[in-house]
Amino acid sequence: MPSKTGARPLAYFITFTAYGTWLHGDIRTWVDREHNEFGTERLAHDPLFYHVQKQSLKHAVVKLTPAMIKYVLAAVAEVCRHREWKLISANVRTNHVHVLAMADAEAEKLLGDFKRYATRRIRKEKLMPPDRPVWTDGGSTIYVWDQASLDRIDRYIRYDQGESLGGRY
């Protein structure tokens, strides 16, 4: 959301997860709409909530394969080229995707386009059937207002996600 002055953020930190891989209540901690700011404390494990979430899944959990990871990263870069957004960094993991980008658009537009392009590419390569979801609904859209925050998030995406799986920009 733009600031009260109408200014756009410097960048957006977008995160979305593969279907069923990071449910609310998860033991690894989790975020919801009210706890969605970089650097803030995540919500604690809630076994009952997690169980309810897991039971509500309608399809098998999606784990991104090395081929999927490669195509998702290519799709993120393609969106940025097509929309003339500046891709600062991206990291595609087996269960989630982080993207840091500058854009003259709303954060939700970036999130939706990244997921749509990635899904289309995965399906084009016949890596996922058309009747299966690839991503969890929604995602995280964090507004980055200053260079220090941008630098911190960029380092997190590039270096704090573990060994590269071939999906790092």
Protein backbone atom coordinates (compact mmCIF):
# COMPACT_ATOMS: atom_id res chain seq x y z
CA MET A 1 0.00 0.00 0.00
CA PRO A 2 1.37 3.43 -0.84
CA SER A 3 2.26 5.72 2.03
CA LYS A 4 -0.08 8.43 3.27
CA THR A 5 1.73 10.85 0.97
CA GLY A 6 0.88 8.62 -2.00
CA ALA A 7 4.50 7.59 -2.52
CA ARG A 8 5.25 4.10 -3.75
CA PRO A 9 7.65 1.91 -1.81
CA LEU A 10 11.22 1.57 -3.02
CA ALA A 11 10.64 -2.14 -3.70
CA TYR A 12 8.46 -5.13 -2.83
CA PHE A 13 9.49 -8.33 -1.06
CA ILE A 14 7.18 -11.01 -2.45
CA THR A 15 6.95 -14.55 -1.05
CA PHE A 16 4.67 -17.38 -2.10
CA THR A 17 4.62 -21.05 -1.20
CA ALA A 18 4.11 -24.27 -3.10
CA TYR A 19 0.72 -25.84 -2.45
CA GLY A 20 0.40 -27.39 1.00
CA THR A 21 4.04 -26.93 2.05
CA TRP A 22 3.76 -24.23 4.71
CA LEU A 23 0.43 -24.28 6.48
CA HIS A 24 -0.79 -21.96 9.21
CA GLY A 25 0.14 -23.44 12.56
CA ASP A 26 3.33 -25.00 11.12
CA ILE A 27 6.07 -26.00 13.57
CA ARG A 28 8.56 -23.85 11.59
CA THR A 29 6.47 -20.81 12.61
CA TRP A 30 4.27 -18.91 10.21
CA VAL A 31 2.73 -15.57 9.30
CA ASP A 32 -0.77 -14.33 8.63
CA ARG A 33 -2.16 -11.02 7.36
CA GLU A 34 -1.58 -9.31 10.72
CA HIS A 35 2.01 -10.62 11.10
CA ASN A 36 3.46 -9.93 7.67
CA GLU A 37 6.33 -7.50 8.06
CA PHE A 38 9.97 -8.37 7.42
CA GLY A 39 11.91 -8.79 10.65
CA THR A 40 8.87 -9.10 12.92
CA GLU A 41 8.25 -12.14 15.06
CA ARG A 42 6.42 -15.03 13.45
CA LEU A 43 3.52 -16.90 15.01
CA ALA A 44 4.22 -19.95 17.19
CA HIS A 45 3.40 -23.54 16.34
CA ASP A 46 -0.29 -24.34 16.81
CA PRO A 47 -0.77 -28.12 16.44
CA LEU A 48 -4.56 -28.02 16.35
CA PHE A 49 -4.69 -25.24 13.75
CA TYR A 50 -2.03 -27.03 11.69
CA HIS A 51 -4.02 -30.29 11.80
CA VAL A 52 -7.18 -28.52 10.62
CA GLN A 53 -5.23 -26.88 7.78
CA LYS A 54 -3.64 -30.18 6.74
CA GLN A 55 -6.99 -31.99 6.74
CA SER A 56 -8.48 -29.30 4.50
CA LEU A 57 -5.98 -29.90 1.67
CA LYS A 58 -7.77 -31.11 -1.45
CA HIS A 59 -4.63 -32.21 -3.33
CA ALA A 60 -1.21 -33.67 -2.63
CA VAL A 61 1.50 -31.33 -1.37
CA VAL A 62 3.64 -29.84 -4.18
CA LYS A 63 7.42 -30.01 -3.85
CA LEU A 64 9.22 -28.11 -6.58
CA THR A 65 11.65 -30.29 -8.54
CA PRO A 66 14.97 -29.00 -9.94
CA ALA A 67 13.31 -28.55 -13.36
CA MET A 68 10.39 -26.65 -11.82
CA ILE A 69 12.81 -24.44 -9.87
CA LYS A 70 14.63 -23.53 -13.08
CA TYR A 71 11.40 -22.67 -14.91
CA VAL A 72 9.95 -20.67 -12.00
CA LEU A 73 13.09 -18.50 -11.86
CA ALA A 74 12.94 -18.01 -15.64
CA ALA A 75 9.25 -17.03 -15.37
CA VAL A 76 9.97 -14.46 -12.62
CA ALA A 77 12.70 -12.91 -14.79
CA GLU A 78 10.35 -12.95 -17.82
CA VAL A 79 7.61 -11.10 -15.91
CA CYS A 80 10.08 -8.44 -14.82
CA ARG A 81 11.37 -7.96 -18.39
CA HIS A 82 7.85 -7.87 -19.84
CA ARG A 83 6.48 -5.43 -17.25
CA GLU A 84 9.72 -3.39 -17.08
CA TRP A 85 10.11 -4.11 -13.38
CA LYS A 86 13.60 -4.26 -11.88
CA LEU A 87 14.39 -7.70 -10.48
CA ILE A 88 16.83 -7.24 -7.61
CA SER A 89 17.00 -10.80 -6.34
CA ALA A 90 15.03 -14.02 -6.35
CA ASN A 91 15.44 -17.43 -4.77
CA VAL A 92 13.28 -20.41 -5.69
CA ARG A 93 13.30 -23.23 -3.13
CA THR A 94 11.51 -26.59 -3.11
CA ASN A 95 8.64 -25.15 -1.09
CA HIS A 96 8.64 -21.36 -1.59
CA VAL A 97 9.75 -18.45 -3.75
CA HIS A 98 11.22 -15.11 -2.62
CA VAL A 99 11.39 -12.14 -5.01
CA LEU A 100 12.67 -8.62 -4.37
CA ALA A 101 11.68 -6.23 -7.15
CA MET A 102 11.13 -2.56 -7.91
CA ALA A 103 7.94 -1.82 -9.83
CA ASP A 104 5.49 0.93 -10.63
CA ALA A 105 2.58 -1.35 -9.73
CA GLU A 106 0.77 -2.64 -6.67
CA ALA A 107 2.39 -5.48 -4.73
CA GLU A 108 -0.59 -7.75 -5.40
CA LYS A 109 -0.01 -7.31 -9.15
CA LEU A 110 3.57 -8.56 -8.77
CA LEU A 111 2.49 -11.51 -6.63
CA GLY A 112 -0.28 -12.51 -9.05
CA ASP A 113 1.87 -12.14 -12.16
CA PHE A 114 4.78 -14.11 -10.69
CA LYS A 115 2.47 -16.97 -9.75
CA ARG A 116 0.57 -16.94 -13.08
CA TYR A 117 3.69 -16.86 -15.26
CA ALA A 118 5.39 -19.57 -13.18
CA THR A 119 2.29 -21.79 -13.27
CA ARG A 120 1.90 -21.34 -17.02
CA ARG A 121 5.57 -22.25 -17.57
CA ILE A 122 5.41 -25.33 -15.32
CA ARG A 123 2.28 -26.54 -17.13
CA LYS A 124 3.77 -25.78 -20.57
CA GLU A 125 6.71 -28.03 -19.68
CA LYS A 126 4.20 -30.69 -18.53
CA LEU A 127 5.65 -30.76 -15.01
CA MET A 128 2.24 -30.39 -13.33
CA PRO A 129 -1.19 -31.51 -14.52
CA PRO A 130 -3.68 -28.74 -15.35
CA ASP A 131 -6.12 -29.82 -12.63
CA ARG A 132 -3.62 -29.47 -9.76
CA PRO A 133 -2.79 -26.26 -7.89
CA VAL A 134 0.89 -25.32 -7.85
CA TRP A 135 0.75 -22.57 -5.23
CA THR A 136 -0.96 -21.86 -1.95
CA ASP A 137 -3.62 -19.13 -2.22
CA GLY A 138 -2.25 -15.65 -1.60
CA GLY A 139 1.25 -14.86 -0.49
CA SER A 140 3.27 -12.26 1.37
CA THR A 141 3.66 -8.72 0.00
CA ILE A 142 6.04 -6.65 2.10
CA TYR A 143 6.65 -3.00 1.24
CA VAL A 144 10.31 -1.92 1.33
CA TRP A 145 10.60 1.79 2.08
CA ASP A 146 14.35 2.43 2.44
CA GLN A 147 17.72 1.31 1.10
CA ALA A 148 18.85 -0.27 4.39
CA SER A 149 15.79 -2.54 4.42
CA LEU A 150 16.25 -3.35 0.75
CA ASP A 151 19.89 -4.33 1.37
CA ARG A 152 18.94 -6.49 4.37
CA ILE A 153 16.19 -8.31 2.45
CA ASP A 154 18.45 -8.77 -0.58
CA ARG A 155 21.10 -10.43 1.62
CA TYR A 156 18.41 -12.63 3.20
CA ILE A 157 17.18 -13.80 -0.21
CA ARG A 158 20.64 -14.38 -1.66
CA TYR A 159 22.56 -15.81 1.28
CA ASP A 160 20.25 -16.93 4.10
CA GLN A 161 18.21 -19.56 2.26
CA GLY A 162 20.76 -22.34 2.28
CA GLU A 163 22.64 -23.86 -0.62
CA SER A 164 21.53 -22.74 -4.08
CA LEU A 165 19.14 -25.15 -5.77
CA GLY A 166 19.73 -23.54 -9.17
CA GLY A 167 16.96 -21.03 -8.66
CA ARG A 168 18.85 -17.97 -7.43
CA TYR A 169 19.06 -14.60 -9.18
